[in-house]
Amino acid sequence: MKHTLPVMMMLLLSVACAPTVQLQAPDKPIEINLNVNIEQHVKVEIEKDVKQSIAKNKDIF
C-alpha cells in the first residue's frame, strides 16, 4: 500500500506530459515561384527544287 500512492502519482504525471500534435492551415496562401527557361529549335527543310533555284540565283537573298 505504501507504493500505490507514488505509482499513481507517476502515472498521472506521465499522462499529463503526453505530447500533442496540432495541424493548422497557414494564414497566407502558399506561393511557388518557378523560373523556367524554354528554348526552341526549329529545323526547316527545303525541297530540292527550291535549293536548286536558290543556288542558281544567289542574288535573290
C-alpha atoms as a PDB file:
ATOM      1  CA  MET A   1       0.000   0.000   0.000  1.00  0.00           C
ATOM      2  CA  LYS A   2       2.972   2.307   0.547  1.00  0.00           C
ATOM      3  CA  HIS A   3       3.971   2.071  -3.091  1.00  0.00           C
ATOM      4  CA  THR A   4       0.480   2.595  -4.512  1.00  0.00           C
ATOM      5  CA  LEU A   5       0.356   6.357  -3.992  1.00  0.00           C
ATOM      6  CA  PRO A   6       3.742   7.110  -5.652  1.00  0.00           C
ATOM      7  CA  VAL A   7       2.895   4.816  -8.569  1.00  0.00           C
ATOM      8  CA  MET A   8      -0.449   6.562  -9.111  1.00  0.00           C
ATOM      9  CA  MET A   9       1.224   9.977  -8.918  1.00  0.00           C
ATOM     10  CA  MET A  10       3.808   8.932 -11.509  1.00  0.00           C
ATOM     11  CA  LEU A  11       1.038   7.581 -13.731  1.00  0.00           C
ATOM     12  CA  LEU A  12      -0.896  10.867 -13.542  1.00  0.00           C
ATOM     13  CA  LEU A  13       2.208  12.921 -14.261  1.00  0.00           C
ATOM     14  CA  SER A  14       3.181  10.779 -17.228  1.00  0.00           C
ATOM     15  CA  VAL A  15      -0.305  11.134 -18.758  1.00  0.00           C
ATOM     16  CA  ALA A  16      -0.269  14.899 -18.236  1.00  0.00           C
ATOM     17  CA  CYS A  17       3.057  15.225 -20.074  1.00  0.00           C
ATOM     18  CA  ALA A  18       1.908  13.374 -23.187  1.00  0.00           C
ATOM     19  CA  PRO A  19       2.925  15.282 -26.345  1.00  0.00           C
ATOM     20  CA  THR A  20       0.199  16.566 -28.647  1.00  0.00           C
ATOM     21  CA  VAL A  21       0.293  17.155 -32.395  1.00  0.00           C
ATOM     22  CA  GLN A  22      -1.681  20.019 -33.880  1.00  0.00           C
ATOM     23  CA  LEU A  23      -2.256  20.735 -37.564  1.00  0.00           C
ATOM     24  CA  GLN A  24      -3.087  24.273 -38.594  1.00  0.00           C
ATOM     25  CA  ALA A  25      -3.515  25.785 -42.033  1.00  0.00           C
ATOM     26  CA  PRO A  26      -1.213  28.722 -42.809  1.00  0.00           C
ATOM     27  CA  ASP A  27      -2.600  32.252 -42.717  1.00  0.00           C
ATOM     28  CA  LYS A  28      -1.170  33.168 -46.120  1.00  0.00           C
ATOM     29  CA  PRO A  29      -1.502  31.082 -49.300  1.00  0.00           C
ATOM     30  CA  ILE A  30       1.496  29.046 -50.395  1.00  0.00           C
ATOM     31  CA  GLU A  31       3.387  30.805 -53.199  1.00  0.00           C
ATOM     32  CA  ILE A  32       5.520  28.851 -55.657  1.00  0.00           C
ATOM     33  CA  ASN A  33       7.891  30.740 -57.953  1.00  0.00           C
ATOM     34  CA  LEU A  34       9.196  28.858 -60.970  1.00  0.00           C
ATOM     35  CA  ASN A  35      11.958  30.196 -63.163  1.00  0.00           C
ATOM     36  CA  VAL A  36      11.572  28.349 -66.434  1.00  0.00           C
ATOM     37  CA  ASN A  37      13.856  28.728 -69.429  1.00  0.00           C
ATOM     38  CA  ILE A  38      12.314  27.419 -72.647  1.00  0.00           C
ATOM     39  CA  GLU A  39      14.400  27.111 -75.773  1.00  0.00           C
ATOM     40  CA  GLN A  40      13.005  26.166 -79.113  1.00  0.00           C
ATOM     41  CA  HIS A  41      14.971  24.849 -82.044  1.00  0.00           C
ATOM     42  CA  VAL A  42      13.263  24.918 -85.420  1.00  0.00           C
ATOM     43  CA  LYS A  43      14.565  22.855 -88.288  1.00  0.00           C
ATOM     44  CA  VAL A  44      13.395  23.882 -91.742  1.00  0.00           C
ATOM     45  CA  GLU A  45      13.818  21.503 -94.619  1.00  0.00           C
ATOM     46  CA  ILE A  46      13.755  22.924 -98.115  1.00  0.00           C
ATOM     47  CA  GLU A  47      12.813  20.820-101.079  1.00  0.00           C
ATOM     48  CA  LYS A  48      15.418  20.020-103.716  1.00  0.00           C
ATOM     49  CA  ASP A  49      13.966  22.242-106.428  1.00  0.00           C
ATOM     50  CA  VAL A  50      13.931  25.239-104.074  1.00  0.00           C
ATOM     51  CA  LYS A  51      17.568  24.576-103.152  1.00  0.00           C
ATOM     52  CA  GLN A  52      18.472  24.454-106.826  1.00  0.00           C
ATOM     53  CA  SER A  53      16.658  27.718-107.534  1.00  0.00           C
ATOM     54  CA  ILE A  54      18.484  29.429-104.676  1.00  0.00           C
ATOM     55  CA  ALA A  55      21.824  28.049-105.870  1.00  0.00           C
ATOM     56  CA  LYS A  56      21.204  29.390-109.377  1.00  0.00           C
ATOM     57  CA  ASN A  57      20.042  32.828-108.204  1.00  0.00           C
ATOM     58  CA  LYS A  58      22.285  33.699-105.289  1.00  0.00           C
ATOM     59  CA  ASP A  59      21.486  37.387-105.629  1.00  0.00           C
ATOM     60  CA  ILE A  60      17.858  36.881-104.515  1.00  0.00           C
ATOM     61  CA  PHE A  61      18.745  36.744-100.833  1.00  0.00           C
END
